C-alpha atoms as a PDB file:
ATOM      1  CA  MET A   1      10.043  26.400 -20.225  1.00  0.00           C
ATOM      2  CA  LYS A   2       8.545  29.784 -21.057  1.00  0.00           C
ATOM      3  CA  ARG A   3       5.694  30.900 -18.870  1.00  0.00           C
ATOM      4  CA  LYS A   4       2.823  32.255 -20.896  1.00  0.00           C
ATOM      5  CA  ASN A   5       0.531  33.141 -18.009  1.00  0.00           C
ATOM      6  CA  PRO A   6       2.307  33.971 -14.740  1.00  0.00           C
ATOM      7  CA  LYS A   7      -0.838  33.265 -12.711  1.00  0.00           C
ATOM      8  CA  GLU A   8      -1.233  29.661 -13.776  1.00  0.00           C
ATOM      9  CA  VAL A   9       1.291  27.552 -15.650  1.00  0.00           C
ATOM     10  CA  SER A  10       1.680  23.846 -16.109  1.00  0.00           C
ATOM     11  CA  VAL A  11       4.680  21.728 -15.227  1.00  0.00           C
ATOM     12  CA  MET A  12       3.984  18.441 -16.950  1.00  0.00           C
ATOM     13  CA  SER A  13       0.276  18.033 -16.238  1.00  0.00           C
ATOM     14  CA  VAL A  14       0.092  19.427 -12.693  1.00  0.00           C
ATOM     15  CA  GLN A  15      -0.958  23.085 -12.525  1.00  0.00           C
ATOM     16  CA  VAL A  16       1.419  25.460 -10.751  1.00  0.00           C
ATOM     17  CA  LEU A  17      -0.407  28.233  -8.923  1.00  0.00           C
ATOM     18  CA  ASP A  18       0.723  31.670  -7.816  1.00  0.00           C
ATOM     19  CA  ARG A  19      -0.748  33.359  -4.754  1.00  0.00           C
ATOM     20  CA  ALA A  20      -3.835  34.766  -6.463  1.00  0.00           C
ATOM     21  CA  ALA A  21      -4.684  31.507  -8.230  1.00  0.00           C
ATOM     22  CA  PHE A  22      -4.031  29.589  -4.975  1.00  0.00           C
ATOM     23  CA  GLU A  23      -6.489  31.799  -3.114  1.00  0.00           C
ATOM     24  CA  GLN A  24      -9.084  31.412  -5.851  1.00  0.00           C
ATOM     25  CA  LYS A  25      -8.774  27.663  -6.493  1.00  0.00           C
ATOM     26  CA  VAL A  26      -7.765  26.307  -3.076  1.00  0.00           C
ATOM     27  CA  LEU A  27      -8.798  28.703  -0.318  1.00  0.00           C
ATOM     28  CA  ALA A  28     -12.114  29.747  -1.846  1.00  0.00           C
ATOM     29  CA  GLY A  29     -13.222  26.152  -1.613  1.00  0.00           C
ATOM     30  CA  GLY A  30     -15.104  23.927  -3.914  1.00  0.00           C
ATOM     31  CA  ASP A  31     -16.837  20.606  -3.973  1.00  0.00           C
ATOM     32  CA  LYS A  32     -13.710  18.524  -4.708  1.00  0.00           C
ATOM     33  CA  PRO A  33     -10.824  17.545  -2.450  1.00  0.00           C
ATOM     34  CA  VAL A  34      -7.548  19.338  -3.220  1.00  0.00           C
ATOM     35  CA  LEU A  35      -3.971  18.033  -3.034  1.00  0.00           C
ATOM     36  CA  VAL A  36      -1.389  20.828  -2.881  1.00  0.00           C
ATOM     37  CA  ASP A  37       2.266  19.958  -3.471  1.00  0.00           C
ATOM     38  CA  PHE A  38       4.540  22.675  -2.083  1.00  0.00           C
ATOM     39  CA  PHE A  39       7.697  22.280  -4.181  1.00  0.00           C
ATOM     40  CA  ALA A  40      10.900  23.975  -5.247  1.00  0.00           C
ATOM     41  CA  THR A  41      12.648  23.438  -8.568  1.00  0.00           C
ATOM     42  CA  TRP A  42      16.010  23.020  -6.796  1.00  0.00           C
ATOM     43  CA  CYS A  43      14.673  20.422  -4.307  1.00  0.00           C
ATOM     44  CA  GLY A  44      15.808  16.857  -5.032  1.00  0.00           C
ATOM     45  CA  PRO A  45      13.065  15.138  -2.985  1.00  0.00           C
ATOM     46  CA  CYS A  46      10.477  17.384  -4.684  1.00  0.00           C
ATOM     47  CA  LYS A  47      11.708  16.205  -8.090  1.00  0.00           C
ATOM     48  CA  MET A  48      11.569  12.585  -6.936  1.00  0.00           C
ATOM     49  CA  LEU A  49       7.985  13.014  -5.726  1.00  0.00           C
ATOM     50  CA  HIS A  50       6.749  14.703  -8.915  1.00  0.00           C
ATOM     51  CA  PRO A  51       5.925  11.454 -10.805  1.00  0.00           C
ATOM     52  CA  VAL A  52       3.854  10.306  -7.829  1.00  0.00           C
ATOM     53  CA  ILE A  53       1.969  13.613  -7.793  1.00  0.00           C
ATOM     54  CA  GLU A  54       1.274  13.248 -11.525  1.00  0.00           C
ATOM     55  CA  GLN A  55       0.055   9.691 -10.988  1.00  0.00           C
ATOM     56  CA  VAL A  56      -2.308  10.840  -8.237  1.00  0.00           C
ATOM     57  CA  GLU A  57      -3.630  13.528 -10.551  1.00  0.00           C
ATOM     58  CA  ALA A  58      -4.226  10.988 -13.333  1.00  0.00           C
ATOM     59  CA  GLU A  59      -5.944   8.540 -10.977  1.00  0.00           C
ATOM     60  CA  THR A  60      -8.194  11.202  -9.422  1.00  0.00           C
ATOM     61  CA  ALA A  61      -9.022  13.070 -12.631  1.00  0.00           C
ATOM     62  CA  GLY A  62     -12.412  14.666 -12.195  1.00  0.00           C
ATOM     63  CA  SER A  63     -12.806  13.677  -8.546  1.00  0.00           C
ATOM     64  CA  ALA A  64     -10.000  15.792  -7.021  1.00  0.00           C
ATOM     65  CA  GLU A  65      -7.812  18.751  -7.929  1.00  0.00           C
ATOM     66  CA  VAL A  66      -4.004  18.587  -7.822  1.00  0.00           C
ATOM     67  CA  TYR A  67      -1.865  21.737  -7.750  1.00  0.00           C
ATOM     68  CA  GLN A  68       1.728  22.754  -7.111  1.00  0.00           C
ATOM     69  CA  VAL A  69       2.831  25.918  -5.338  1.00  0.00           C
END
């Protein structure tokens, strides 16, 4: 997958954040709860968990933010 914007790309539907985007969207705070999935592309358990993370994002659409780092 080609990355168009290195600051914020999407893997499936979950946004992947770099450091700057993480600081802006997660650390700066907001009015919604945030789920952050710390993953690695080579990590088998991370790959197995990805569908669950996507399901959580779909079920909480609008009421929570879901990101991957």
